Amino acid sequence: MLLLTIESSCDETAAAVVRDGRTILSNVVSSQVAVHAEYGGVVPEIASRKHLEMITPVVRQALHKADVTLEQIEGIAVTRGPGLLGALLVGVSAAKSLAFARSLPLVGIHHIEGHLLAPALEQHLGYPFLGLVVSGGHTHLYLVEGVGRYRTLGRTIDDAVGEAFDKSATLLGLGYPGGALIDRLARQGNPTAIRFPRPLLHDGSLNFSFSGLKTAVLTHLRKQPAVPEGQELHDLCASFQAAVCELLVKKTEAALELTAARRLVVAGGVACNSGLRAAMGEMAQRRGVELLFPSPALCGDNAAMLAVAADAYLSAGCCDRLDMDAVATWSMDQVARWERLP
């Protein structure tokens, strides 16, 4: 099946053409980072307007790069939620219009579902597996037993980990987005220079908390005579990143112990973080667990990642009606609704 997929959940306008839920023919992403940088974060109204400007050019570019026409497309998939409602509505409306115009089957995909299944676009992805999704808006642990079969094990009770990175980077005067900048500076720092807290590390749950860690950075800065720079800045970034990685790794290891899973997927934008990749790699090797990361191009928000689930659903005859609505809040536990899937 030749699918056109569309993603617009936050500040990336994206479209892709994927064959059989595995072969990426094109994967176009138009970023709004420069637009939102002066505000220190994503402004929902501005994001929606930029999506309106870019959705048609991005879809056309995806078709052109794939060297296919709309007449050759056999199905449409779109991120239905969760995300910024105004942003989601742009993608959903575009997808519904194309599906109606060409009488094509349409399916709405959960944003996190796309991230979890993204490794299947590049390598074999066996089930069941434990999935950790880490991004600007999400920090969740799932047991994935197959496409459409997900069980939430843990989640952040406040800030997402990517949000904590970006807000801490703003406090340090590094600009937005700051996750990649902290990662780069941390490579030359001492991760034990500052002992930042590890919230909920020993509470017995699989939930996360990052707001206290962000506050600890602010408290540390207020005690300093000047904004850190040079080696002091490197050490602060390394210490902050070490705290984040320890939280993520220890909770993930506890989930592996609980589920007896032998495969682990770490996905989402923060999965590009070099410190996290190294720490997860060490833990997985020690436990004898197969560890899968998407390539960096598939870690951030993109449309190709939707195709794995979309191909399974549409091939099984599971599609959505044209009155499907975008949803800002949507639990992954509610996605397990495809009874005809094998």
C-alpha atoms as a PDB file:
ATOM      1  CA  MET A   1       0.000   0.000   0.000  1.00  0.00           C
ATOM      2  CA  LEU A   2       1.305   3.438  -0.970  1.00  0.00           C
ATOM      3  CA  LEU A   3       0.511   5.868   1.846  1.00  0.00           C
ATOM      4  CA  LEU A   4       0.618   9.644   2.176  1.00  0.00           C
ATOM      5  CA  THR A   5       1.078  10.595   5.832  1.00  0.00           C
ATOM      6  CA  ILE A   6       0.726  14.028   7.464  1.00  0.00           C
ATOM      7  CA  GLU A   7       1.977  15.299  10.845  1.00  0.00           C
ATOM      8  CA  SER A   8       1.202  18.710  12.416  1.00  0.00           C
ATOM      9  CA  SER A   9       0.879  18.092  16.158  1.00  0.00           C
ATOM     10  CA  CYS A  10       3.208  20.876  17.336  1.00  0.00           C
ATOM     11  CA  ASP A  11       5.656  23.041  15.387  1.00  0.00           C
ATOM     12  CA  GLU A  12       6.720  20.749  12.534  1.00  0.00           C
ATOM     13  CA  THR A  13       4.698  20.595   9.324  1.00  0.00           C
ATOM     14  CA  ALA A  14       5.519  17.207   7.827  1.00  0.00           C
ATOM     15  CA  ALA A  15       4.406  14.878   5.058  1.00  0.00           C
ATOM     16  CA  ALA A  16       5.792  11.579   3.793  1.00  0.00           C
ATOM     17  CA  VAL A  17       5.167   8.898   1.224  1.00  0.00           C
ATOM     18  CA  VAL A  18       5.785   5.356   2.481  1.00  0.00           C
ATOM     19  CA  ARG A  19       5.278   2.016   0.741  1.00  0.00           C
ATOM     20  CA  ASP A  20       3.930  -0.972   2.697  1.00  0.00           C
ATOM     21  CA  GLY A  21       4.567   0.710   6.043  1.00  0.00           C
ATOM     22  CA  ARG A  22       8.300   0.089   5.691  1.00  0.00           C
ATOM     23  CA  THR A  23       9.931   1.799   2.705  1.00  0.00           C
ATOM     24  CA  ILE A  24      10.274   5.581   2.980  1.00  0.00           C
ATOM     25  CA  LEU A  25      10.058   7.237  -0.439  1.00  0.00           C
ATOM     26  CA  SER A  26      10.045  10.763   0.983  1.00  0.00           C
ATOM     27  CA  ASN A  27       9.923  12.378   4.409  1.00  0.00           C
ATOM     28  CA  VAL A  28       9.625  16.174   4.324  1.00  0.00           C
ATOM     29  CA  VAL A  29       9.703  18.285   7.496  1.00  0.00           C
ATOM     30  CA  SER A  30       9.256  22.058   7.633  1.00  0.00           C
ATOM     31  CA  SER A  31      10.484  23.318  10.998  1.00  0.00           C
ATOM     32  CA  GLN A  32       9.218  26.393  12.839  1.00  0.00           C
ATOM     33  CA  VAL A  33      12.140  26.558  15.285  1.00  0.00           C
ATOM     34  CA  ALA A  34      13.370  29.918  14.019  1.00  0.00           C
ATOM     35  CA  VAL A  35       9.869  31.398  14.252  1.00  0.00           C
ATOM     36  CA  HIS A  36       9.372  30.419  17.909  1.00  0.00           C
ATOM     37  CA  ALA A  37      12.961  30.978  19.105  1.00  0.00           C
ATOM     38  CA  GLU A  38      12.389  34.629  20.046  1.00  0.00           C
ATOM     39  CA  TYR A  39       9.549  33.573  22.354  1.00  0.00           C
ATOM     40  CA  GLY A  40      11.546  30.845  24.095  1.00  0.00           C
ATOM     41  CA  GLY A  41       8.989  28.180  23.204  1.00  0.00           C
ATOM     42  CA  VAL A  42       6.155  27.235  20.877  1.00  0.00           C
ATOM     43  CA  VAL A  43       3.328  29.787  20.594  1.00  0.00           C
ATOM     44  CA  PRO A  44       0.220  27.756  19.644  1.00  0.00           C
ATOM     45  CA  GLU A  45      -1.503  30.446  17.556  1.00  0.00           C
ATOM     46  CA  ILE A  46       1.643  31.161  15.558  1.00  0.00           C
ATOM     47  CA  ALA A  47       2.231  27.429  15.072  1.00  0.00           C
ATOM     48  CA  SER A  48      -1.266  26.979  13.638  1.00  0.00           C
ATOM     49  CA  ARG A  49      -0.831  29.837  11.191  1.00  0.00           C
ATOM     50  CA  LYS A  50       2.519  28.504   9.976  1.00  0.00           C
ATOM     51  CA  HIS A  51       0.966  25.087   9.449  1.00  0.00           C
ATOM     52  CA  LEU A  52      -1.714  26.712   7.287  1.00  0.00           C
ATOM     53  CA  GLU A  53       1.007  28.343   5.200  1.00  0.00           C
ATOM     54  CA  MET A  54       3.134  25.237   4.791  1.00  0.00           C
ATOM     55  CA  ILE A  55       0.793  22.237   4.645  1.00  0.00           C
ATOM     56  CA  THR A  56       0.123  22.366   0.897  1.00  0.00           C
ATOM     57  CA  PRO A  57       3.750  23.038  -0.163  1.00  0.00           C
ATOM     58  CA  VAL A  58       5.003  20.277   2.146  1.00  0.00           C
ATOM     59  CA  VAL A  59       2.525  17.699   0.804  1.00  0.00           C
ATOM     60  CA  ARG A  60       3.425  18.654  -2.779  1.00  0.00           C
ATOM     61  CA  GLN A  61       7.117  18.350  -1.987  1.00  0.00           C
ATOM     62  CA  ALA A  62       6.626  14.910  -0.402  1.00  0.00           C
ATOM     63  CA  LEU A  63       4.822  13.660  -3.526  1.00  0.00           C
ATOM     64  CA  HIS A  64       7.453  15.184  -5.796  1.00  0.00           C
ATOM     65  CA  LYS A  65      10.407  13.711  -3.870  1.00  0.00           C
ATOM     66  CA  ALA A  66       8.742  10.300  -3.910  1.00  0.00           C
ATOM     67  CA  ASP A  67       8.172  10.670  -7.654  1.00  0.00           C
ATOM     68  CA  VAL A  68       4.494   9.772  -7.317  1.00  0.00           C
ATOM     69  CA  THR A  69       1.226  11.549  -8.007  1.00  0.00           C
ATOM     70  CA  LEU A  70      -1.756  11.887  -5.733  1.00  0.00           C
ATOM     71  CA  GLU A  71      -3.599   9.537  -8.091  1.00  0.00           C
ATOM     72  CA  GLN A  72      -1.165   6.754  -7.120  1.00  0.00           C
ATOM     73  CA  ILE A  73      -1.704   7.164  -3.364  1.00  0.00           C
ATOM     74  CA  GLU A  74      -3.822   4.349  -1.865  1.00  0.00           C
ATOM     75  CA  GLY A  75      -4.396   5.639   1.660  1.00  0.00           C
ATOM     76  CA  ILE A  76      -4.037   8.710   3.881  1.00  0.00           C
ATOM     77  CA  ALA A  77      -2.810   8.796   7.491  1.00  0.00           C
ATOM     78  CA  VAL A  78      -2.610  11.803   9.785  1.00  0.00           C
ATOM     79  CA  THR A  79      -1.688  12.565  13.369  1.00  0.00           C
ATOM     80  CA  ARG A  80      -5.048  12.867  15.105  1.00  0.00           C
ATOM     81  CA  GLY A  81      -3.594  13.703  18.537  1.00  0.00           C
ATOM     82  CA  PRO A  82      -2.396  14.429  21.100  1.00  0.00           C
ATOM     83  CA  GLY A  83      -0.912  17.882  20.551  1.00  0.00           C
ATOM     84  CA  LEU A  84      -1.827  21.527  20.056  1.00  0.00           C
ATOM     85  CA  LEU A  85      -5.439  21.469  18.919  1.00  0.00           C
ATOM     86  CA  GLY A  86      -5.128  24.283  16.395  1.00  0.00           C
ATOM     87  CA  ALA A  87      -2.035  22.714  14.879  1.00  0.00           C
ATOM     88  CA  LEU A  88      -3.626  19.266  14.728  1.00  0.00           C
ATOM     89  CA  LEU A  89      -6.726  20.646  13.008  1.00  0.00           C
ATOM     90  CA  VAL A  90      -4.656  21.892  10.077  1.00  0.00           C
ATOM     91  CA  GLY A  91      -3.211  18.451   9.369  1.00  0.00           C
ATOM     92  CA  VAL A  92      -6.463  16.606  10.015  1.00  0.00           C
ATOM     93  CA  SER A  93      -8.421  18.971   7.759  1.00  0.00           C
ATOM     94  CA  ALA A  94      -5.878  18.598   4.961  1.00  0.00           C
ATOM     95  CA  ALA A  95      -5.909  14.808   5.270  1.00  0.00           C
ATOM     96  CA  LYS A  96      -9.701  14.629   5.260  1.00  0.00           C
ATOM     97  CA  SER A  97      -9.882  16.899   2.203  1.00  0.00           C
ATOM     98  CA  LEU A  98      -7.445  14.732   0.255  1.00  0.00           C
ATOM     99  CA  ALA A  99      -9.197  11.536   1.314  1.00  0.00           C
ATOM    100  CA  PHE A 100     -12.575  12.938   0.269  1.00  0.00           C
ATOM    101  CA  ALA A 101     -11.314  14.289  -3.064  1.00  0.00           C
ATOM    102  CA  ARG A 102      -9.692  10.975  -4.046  1.00  0.00           C
ATOM    103  CA  SER A 103     -12.126   8.609  -2.246  1.00  0.00           C
ATOM    104  CA  LEU A 104      -9.231   7.181  -0.241  1.00  0.00           C
ATOM    105  CA  PRO A 105      -9.336   5.400   3.124  1.00  0.00           C
ATOM    106  CA  LEU A 106      -8.257   7.621   6.025  1.00  0.00           C
ATOM    107  CA  VAL A 107      -6.848   6.735   9.437  1.00  0.00           C
ATOM    108  CA  GLY A 108      -5.951   8.949  12.389  1.00  0.00           C
ATOM    109  CA  ILE A 109      -2.798   7.900  14.246  1.00  0.00           C
ATOM    110  CA  HIS A 110      -1.728   8.610  17.822  1.00  0.00           C
ATOM    111  CA  HIS A 111       1.411  10.765  17.838  1.00  0.00           C
ATOM    112  CA  ILE A 112       3.210   8.625  20.431  1.00  0.00           C
ATOM    113  CA  GLU A 113       2.228   5.465  18.562  1.00  0.00           C
ATOM    114  CA  GLY A 114       4.165   6.829  15.595  1.00  0.00           C
ATOM    115  CA  HIS A 115       7.262   7.433  17.716  1.00  0.00           C
ATOM    116  CA  LEU A 116       7.113   3.973  19.306  1.00  0.00           C
ATOM    117  CA  LEU A 117       6.916   2.153  15.968  1.00  0.00           C
ATOM    118  CA  ALA A 118       9.415   4.351  14.088  1.00  0.00           C
ATOM    119  CA  PRO A 119      12.302   1.832  14.392  1.00  0.00           C
ATOM    120  CA  ALA A 120      10.300  -0.586  12.194  1.00  0.00           C
ATOM    121  CA  LEU A 121      11.023   1.716   9.243  1.00  0.00           C
ATOM    122  CA  GLU A 122      14.719   0.858   9.509  1.00  0.00           C
ATOM    123  CA  GLN A 123      15.049  -2.550  11.178  1.00  0.00           C
ATOM    124  CA  HIS A 124      13.107  -5.541  12.390  1.00  0.00           C
ATOM    125  CA  LEU A 125      10.894  -4.678  15.343  1.00  0.00           C
ATOM    126  CA  GLY A 126       9.772  -7.691  17.328  1.00  0.00           C
ATOM    127  CA  TYR A 127       6.966  -7.789  19.898  1.00  0.00           C
ATOM    128  CA  PRO A 128       6.494  -7.426  22.777  1.00  0.00           C
ATOM    129  CA  PHE A 129       8.806  -4.578  23.728  1.00  0.00           C
ATOM    130  CA  LEU A 130       9.124  -1.881  26.343  1.00  0.00           C
ATOM    131  CA  GLY A 131       8.894   1.601  24.865  1.00  0.00           C
ATOM    132  CA  LEU A 132      10.181   4.849  26.340  1.00  0.00           C
ATOM    133  CA  VAL A 133       9.049   7.985  24.494  1.00  0.00           C
ATOM    134  CA  VAL A 134      10.993  11.124  25.467  1.00  0.00           C
ATOM    135  CA  SER A 135      10.283  14.446  23.790  1.00  0.00           C
ATOM    136  CA  GLY A 136       9.328  18.062  24.399  1.00  0.00           C
ATOM    137  CA  GLY A 137       5.777  17.086  25.272  1.00  0.00           C
ATOM    138  CA  HIS A 138       6.012  13.461  26.422  1.00  0.00           C
ATOM    139  CA  THR A 139       7.855  11.210  28.848  1.00  0.00           C
ATOM    140  CA  HIS A 140       6.033   7.881  28.881  1.00  0.00           C
ATOM    141  CA  LEU A 141       6.770   4.195  29.409  1.00  0.00           C
ATOM    142  CA  TYR A 142       4.668   1.613  27.542  1.00  0.00           C
ATOM    143  CA  LEU A 143       4.441  -2.110  27.143  1.00  0.00           C
ATOM    144  CA  VAL A 144       3.861  -2.675  23.423  1.00  0.00           C
ATOM    145  CA  GLU A 145       2.433  -6.093  22.545  1.00  0.00           C
ATOM    146  CA  GLY A 146       1.736  -5.297  18.890  1.00  0.00           C
ATOM    147  CA  VAL A 147       0.328  -2.591  16.656  1.00  0.00           C
ATOM    148  CA  GLY A 148      -2.704  -1.157  18.427  1.00  0.00           C
ATOM    149  CA  ARG A 149      -1.904  -2.962  21.693  1.00  0.00           C
ATOM    150  CA  TYR A 150      -0.369  -0.603  24.240  1.00  0.00           C
ATOM    151  CA  ARG A 151      -0.360  -0.414  28.011  1.00  0.00           C
ATOM    152  CA  THR A 152       0.825   2.690  29.852  1.00  0.00           C
ATOM    153  CA  LEU A 153       3.229   1.846  32.677  1.00  0.00           C
ATOM    154  CA  GLY A 154       4.500   5.276  33.687  1.00  0.00           C
ATOM    155  CA  ARG A 155       4.483   8.926  32.702  1.00  0.00           C
ATOM    156  CA  THR A 156       5.654  12.325  33.862  1.00  0.00           C
ATOM    157  CA  ILE A 157       3.474  13.937  36.501  1.00  0.00           C
ATOM    158  CA  ASP A 158       4.578  17.451  35.498  1.00  0.00           C
ATOM    159  CA  ASP A 159       7.109  18.596  32.877  1.00  0.00           C
ATOM    160  CA  ALA A 160       8.180  16.397  29.995  1.00  0.00           C
ATOM    161  CA  VAL A 161      11.904  15.753  29.829  1.00  0.00           C
ATOM    162  CA  GLY A 162      12.373  17.768  26.632  1.00  0.00           C
ATOM    163  CA  GLU A 163      10.576  20.689  28.256  1.00  0.00           C
ATOM    164  CA  ALA A 164      12.932  20.457  31.234  1.00  0.00           C
ATOM    165  CA  PHE A 165      15.927  20.578  28.895  1.00  0.00           C
ATOM    166  CA  ASP A 166      14.581  23.593  27.009  1.00  0.00           C
ATOM    167  CA  LYS A 167      13.554  25.553  30.119  1.00  0.00           C
ATOM    168  CA  SER A 168      16.879  24.883  31.816  1.00  0.00           C
ATOM    169  CA  ALA A 169      18.699  26.005  28.680  1.00  0.00           C
ATOM    170  CA  THR A 170      16.692  29.237  28.760  1.00  0.00           C
ATOM    171  CA  LEU A 171      17.724  29.782  32.385  1.00  0.00           C
ATOM    172  CA  LEU A 172      21.337  29.359  31.290  1.00  0.00           C
ATOM    173  CA  GLY A 173      20.921  31.860  28.477  1.00  0.00           C
ATOM    174  CA  LEU A 174      21.542  29.242  25.793  1.00  0.00           C
ATOM    175  CA  GLY A 175      18.444  29.991  23.730  1.00  0.00           C
ATOM    176  CA  TYR A 176      15.658  27.803  22.332  1.00  0.00           C
ATOM    177  CA  PRO A 177      15.515  24.926  21.663  1.00  0.00           C
ATOM    178  CA  GLY A 178      18.140  24.067  24.221  1.00  0.00           C
ATOM    179  CA  GLY A 179      18.270  20.289  24.511  1.00  0.00           C
ATOM    180  CA  ALA A 180      20.902  19.823  21.825  1.00  0.00           C
ATOM    181  CA  LEU A 181      22.954  22.731  23.208  1.00  0.00           C
ATOM    182  CA  ILE A 182      23.031  21.255  26.722  1.00  0.00           C
ATOM    183  CA  ASP A 183      24.007  17.885  25.256  1.00  0.00           C
ATOM    184  CA  ARG A 184      26.926  19.413  23.359  1.00  0.00           C
ATOM    185  CA  LEU A 185      28.194  21.412  26.333  1.00  0.00           C
ATOM    186  CA  ALA A 186      27.805  18.424  28.668  1.00  0.00           C
ATOM    187  CA  ARG A 187      30.336  16.397  26.687  1.00  0.00           C
ATOM    188  CA  GLN A 188      33.143  18.577  28.046  1.00  0.00           C
ATOM    189  CA  GLY A 189      31.829  18.763  31.614  1.00  0.00           C
ATOM    190  CA  ASN A 190      32.072  16.840  34.863  1.00  0.00           C
ATOM    191  CA  PRO A 191      28.738  15.052  35.523  1.00  0.00           C
ATOM    192  CA  THR A 192      29.490  14.824  39.263  1.00  0.00           C
ATOM    193  CA  ALA A 193      30.361  18.502  39.761  1.00  0.00           C
ATOM    194  CA  ILE A 194      26.880  19.394  41.025  1.00  0.00           C
ATOM    195  CA  ARG A 195      24.537  16.972  42.756  1.00  0.00           C
ATOM    196  CA  PHE A 196      21.130  17.800  41.352  1.00  0.00           C
ATOM    197  CA  PRO A 197      18.078  15.979  42.796  1.00  0.00           C
ATOM    198  CA  ARG A 198      16.551  12.863  41.206  1.00  0.00           C
ATOM    199  CA  PRO A 199      12.779  13.350  41.833  1.00  0.00           C
ATOM    200  CA  LEU A 200      10.706  10.178  42.338  1.00  0.00           C
ATOM    201  CA  LEU A 201      13.778   7.995  41.799  1.00  0.00           C
ATOM    202  CA  HIS A 202      12.990   5.745  44.776  1.00  0.00           C
ATOM    203  CA  ASP A 203       9.209   6.190  45.118  1.00  0.00           C
ATOM    204  CA  GLY A 204       8.445   2.697  43.828  1.00  0.00           C
ATOM    205  CA  SER A 205       6.461   3.934  40.828  1.00  0.00           C
ATOM    206  CA  LEU A 206       7.353   4.135  37.141  1.00  0.00           C
ATOM    207  CA  ASN A 207       6.364   7.803  36.944  1.00  0.00           C
ATOM    208  CA  PHE A 208       8.707  10.702  36.290  1.00  0.00           C
ATOM    209  CA  SER A 209       9.007  14.271  37.581  1.00  0.00           C
ATOM    210  CA  PHE A 210      11.233  16.968  36.122  1.00  0.00           C
ATOM    211  CA  SER A 211       9.838  20.266  37.432  1.00  0.00           C
ATOM    212  CA  GLY A 212      11.858  19.953  40.647  1.00  0.00           C
ATOM    213  CA  LEU A 213      15.038  19.346  38.698  1.00  0.00           C
ATOM    214  CA  LYS A 214      14.413  22.465  36.628  1.00  0.00           C
ATOM    215  CA  THR A 215      13.783  24.418  39.853  1.00  0.00           C
ATOM    216  CA  ALA A 216      17.044  23.083  41.278  1.00  0.00           C
ATOM    217  CA  VAL A 217      18.901  24.575  38.310  1.00  0.00           C
ATOM    218  CA  LEU A 218      17.244  27.943  38.982  1.00  0.00           C
ATOM    219  CA  THR A 219      18.091  27.738  42.699  1.00  0.00           C
ATOM    220  CA  HIS A 220      21.714  26.928  41.887  1.00  0.00           C
ATOM    221  CA  LEU A 221      21.971  29.879  39.497  1.00  0.00           C
ATOM    222  CA  ARG A 222      20.532  32.299  42.070  1.00  0.00           C
ATOM    223  CA  LYS A 223      23.338  31.374  44.446  1.00  0.00           C
ATOM    224  CA  GLN A 224      26.010  32.215  41.878  1.00  0.00           C
ATOM    225  CA  PRO A 225      27.494  35.716  41.507  1.00  0.00           C
ATOM    226  CA  ALA A 226      27.223  35.544  37.721  1.00  0.00           C
ATOM    227  CA  VAL A 227      25.788  33.436  34.919  1.00  0.00           C
ATOM    228  CA  PRO A 228      28.110  30.417  34.535  1.00  0.00           C
ATOM    229  CA  GLU A 229      30.419  30.251  31.562  1.00  0.00           C
ATOM    230  CA  GLY A 230      33.423  28.265  30.418  1.00  0.00           C
ATOM    231  CA  GLN A 231      34.131  25.072  32.351  1.00  0.00           C
ATOM    232  CA  GLU A 232      31.567  25.989  35.006  1.00  0.00           C
ATOM    233  CA  LEU A 233      28.850  26.000  32.343  1.00  0.00           C
ATOM    234  CA  HIS A 234      30.063  22.686  30.941  1.00  0.00           C
ATOM    235  CA  ASP A 235      29.986  21.129  34.416  1.00  0.00           C
ATOM    236  CA  LEU A 236      26.486  22.429  35.120  1.00  0.00           C
ATOM    237  CA  CYS A 237      25.156  21.035  31.836  1.00  0.00           C
ATOM    238  CA  ALA A 238      26.877  17.697  32.433  1.00  0.00           C
ATOM    239  CA  SER A 239      25.489  17.463  35.975  1.00  0.00           C
ATOM    240  CA  PHE A 240      21.958  18.326  34.840  1.00  0.00           C
ATOM    241  CA  GLN A 241      22.098  15.821  32.004  1.00  0.00           C
ATOM    242  CA  ALA A 242      23.464  13.130  34.328  1.00  0.00           C
ATOM    243  CA  ALA A 243      20.479  13.606  36.646  1.00  0.00           C
ATOM    244  CA  VAL A 244      18.029  13.359  33.751  1.00  0.00           C
ATOM    245  CA  CYS A 245      19.682  10.254  32.346  1.00  0.00           C
ATOM    246  CA  GLU A 246      19.796   8.509  35.713  1.00  0.00           C
ATOM    247  CA  LEU A 247      16.084   9.129  36.208  1.00  0.00           C
ATOM    248  CA  LEU A 248      15.202   7.805  32.770  1.00  0.00           C
ATOM    249  CA  VAL A 249      17.504   4.791  32.921  1.00  0.00           C
ATOM    250  CA  LYS A 250      16.587   3.687  36.454  1.00  0.00           C
ATOM    251  CA  LYS A 251      12.829   3.917  35.806  1.00  0.00           C
ATOM    252  CA  THR A 252      13.201   2.117  32.493  1.00  0.00           C
ATOM    253  CA  GLU A 253      15.256  -0.626  34.129  1.00  0.00           C
ATOM    254  CA  ALA A 254      12.555  -1.038  36.774  1.00  0.00           C
ATOM    255  CA  ALA A 255       9.957  -1.391  33.995  1.00  0.00           C
ATOM    256  CA  LEU A 256      12.087  -4.033  32.276  1.00  0.00           C
ATOM    257  CA  GLU A 257      12.255  -5.925  35.561  1.00  0.00           C
ATOM    258  CA  LEU A 258       8.496  -5.655  36.029  1.00  0.00           C
ATOM    259  CA  THR A 259       7.533  -6.759  32.515  1.00  0.00           C
ATOM    260  CA  ALA A 260      10.410  -9.180  31.826  1.00  0.00           C
ATOM    261  CA  ALA A 261      10.657  -7.531  28.387  1.00  0.00           C
ATOM    262  CA  ARG A 262      13.722  -8.436  26.356  1.00  0.00           C
ATOM    263  CA  ARG A 263      13.454  -5.567  23.877  1.00  0.00           C
ATOM    264  CA  LEU A 264      13.599  -1.832  24.544  1.00  0.00           C
ATOM    265  CA  VAL A 265      12.723   1.038  22.185  1.00  0.00           C
ATOM    266  CA  VAL A 266      13.742   4.584  23.093  1.00  0.00           C
ATOM    267  CA  ALA A 267      12.143   7.139  20.766  1.00  0.00           C
ATOM    268  CA  GLY A 268      11.165  10.797  20.505  1.00  0.00           C
ATOM    269  CA  GLY A 269      13.268  13.925  20.070  1.00  0.00           C
ATOM    270  CA  VAL A 270      15.273  13.480  23.285  1.00  0.00           C
ATOM    271  CA  ALA A 271      16.307  10.014  22.055  1.00  0.00           C
ATOM    272  CA  CYS A 272      18.952  11.912  20.033  1.00  0.00           C
ATOM    273  CA  ASN A 273      20.705  12.902  23.267  1.00  0.00           C
ATOM    274  CA  SER A 274      24.176  11.361  23.296  1.00  0.00           C
ATOM    275  CA  GLY A 275      24.303  10.973  27.074  1.00  0.00           C
ATOM    276  CA  LEU A 276      20.979   9.148  27.140  1.00  0.00           C
ATOM    277  CA  ARG A 277      21.987   6.862  24.282  1.00  0.00           C
ATOM    278  CA  ALA A 278      25.202   5.923  26.058  1.00  0.00           C
ATOM    279  CA  ALA A 279      23.536   5.359  29.431  1.00  0.00           C
ATOM    280  CA  MET A 280      20.716   3.277  27.942  1.00  0.00           C
ATOM    281  CA  GLY A 281      23.253   1.290  25.931  1.00  0.00           C
ATOM    282  CA  GLU A 282      25.243   0.418  29.050  1.00  0.00           C
ATOM    283  CA  MET A 283      22.119  -0.635  30.938  1.00  0.00           C
ATOM    284  CA  ALA A 284      20.762  -2.710  28.043  1.00  0.00           C
ATOM    285  CA  GLN A 285      24.091  -4.479  27.565  1.00  0.00           C
ATOM    286  CA  ARG A 286      24.320  -5.263  31.281  1.00  0.00           C
ATOM    287  CA  ARG A 287      20.810  -6.733  31.267  1.00  0.00           C
ATOM    288  CA  GLY A 288      21.155  -8.513  27.929  1.00  0.00           C
ATOM    289  CA  VAL A 289      18.284  -6.518  26.424  1.00  0.00           C
ATOM    290  CA  GLU A 290      17.951  -5.667  22.732  1.00  0.00           C
ATOM    291  CA  LEU A 291      17.987  -1.854  22.429  1.00  0.00           C
ATOM    292  CA  LEU A 292      16.541   0.001  19.442  1.00  0.00           C
ATOM    293  CA  PHE A 293      16.766   3.713  18.665  1.00  0.00           C
ATOM    294  CA  PRO A 294      15.319   5.337  15.543  1.00  0.00           C
ATOM    295  CA  SER A 295      17.854   7.245  13.480  1.00  0.00           C
ATOM    296  CA  PRO A 296      17.994  10.974  14.373  1.00  0.00           C
ATOM    297  CA  ALA A 297      15.796  11.905  11.382  1.00  0.00           C
ATOM    298  CA  LEU A 298      13.028   9.671  12.780  1.00  0.00           C
ATOM    299  CA  CYS A 299      13.422  10.733  16.419  1.00  0.00           C
ATOM    300  CA  GLY A 300      11.963  14.205  16.000  1.00  0.00           C
ATOM    301  CA  ASP A 301       8.426  14.828  14.798  1.00  0.00           C
ATOM    302  CA  ASN A 302       8.010  13.541  11.260  1.00  0.00           C
ATOM    303  CA  ALA A 303       5.284  12.029   9.097  1.00  0.00           C
ATOM    304  CA  ALA A 304       6.978   8.800   7.979  1.00  0.00           C
ATOM    305  CA  MET A 305       6.720   7.338  11.488  1.00  0.00           C
ATOM    306  CA  LEU A 306       2.911   7.244  11.146  1.00  0.00           C
ATOM    307  CA  ALA A 307       3.074   4.750   8.290  1.00  0.00           C
ATOM    308  CA  VAL A 308       3.906   1.632  10.316  1.00  0.00           C
ATOM    309  CA  ALA A 309       0.640   1.675  12.259  1.00  0.00           C
ATOM    310  CA  ALA A 310      -1.342   3.181   9.375  1.00  0.00           C
ATOM    311  CA  ASP A 311      -0.387   0.397   6.979  1.00  0.00           C
ATOM    312  CA  ALA A 312      -1.400  -2.249   9.542  1.00  0.00           C
ATOM    313  CA  TYR A 313      -4.740  -0.586  10.231  1.00  0.00           C
ATOM    314  CA  LEU A 314      -5.706   0.157   6.633  1.00  0.00           C
ATOM    315  CA  SER A 315      -4.576  -3.282   5.441  1.00  0.00           C
ATOM    316  CA  ALA A 316      -6.920  -4.783   8.047  1.00  0.00           C
ATOM    317  CA  GLY A 317      -9.786  -2.585   6.846  1.00  0.00           C
ATOM    318  CA  CYS A 318      -9.682  -0.326   9.878  1.00  0.00           C
ATOM    319  CA  CYS A 319     -10.244   3.277   8.863  1.00  0.00           C
ATOM    320  CA  ASP A 320     -11.825   6.444  10.239  1.00  0.00           C
ATOM    321  CA  ARG A 321     -14.826   8.392   9.017  1.00  0.00           C
ATOM    322  CA  LEU A 322     -14.475  11.798   7.417  1.00  0.00           C
ATOM    323  CA  ASP A 323     -16.057  13.394  10.507  1.00  0.00           C
ATOM    324  CA  MET A 324     -13.052  12.315  12.611  1.00  0.00           C
ATOM    325  CA  ASP A 325     -11.976  15.100  14.975  1.00  0.00           C
ATOM    326  CA  ALA A 326      -8.531  16.119  16.143  1.00  0.00           C
ATOM    327  CA  VAL A 327      -8.005  15.487  19.866  1.00  0.00           C
ATOM    328  CA  ALA A 328      -5.624  17.491  22.039  1.00  0.00           C
ATOM    329  CA  THR A 329      -5.606  14.840  24.788  1.00  0.00           C
ATOM    330  CA  TRP A 330      -5.670  11.156  23.933  1.00  0.00           C
ATOM    331  CA  SER A 331      -4.504   8.240  26.075  1.00  0.00           C
ATOM    332  CA  MET A 332      -2.569   5.474  24.357  1.00  0.00           C
ATOM    333  CA  ASP A 333      -4.631   2.986  26.343  1.00  0.00           C
ATOM    334  CA  GLN A 334      -7.625   4.076  24.246  1.00  0.00           C
ATOM    335  CA  VAL A 335      -5.873   3.236  20.967  1.00  0.00           C
ATOM    336  CA  ALA A 336      -6.328  -0.521  21.424  1.00  0.00           C
ATOM    337  CA  ARG A 337      -9.592  -0.494  19.446  1.00  0.00           C
ATOM    338  CA  TRP A 338      -8.702  -2.404  16.282  1.00  0.00           C
ATOM    339  CA  GLU A 339     -10.361  -5.750  16.897  1.00  0.00           C
ATOM    340  CA  ARG A 340      -9.717  -7.094  13.414  1.00  0.00           C
ATOM    341  CA  LEU A 341      -5.952  -6.922  13.690  1.00  0.00           C
ATOM    342  CA  PRO A 342      -4.219 -10.311  13.959  1.00  0.00           C
END
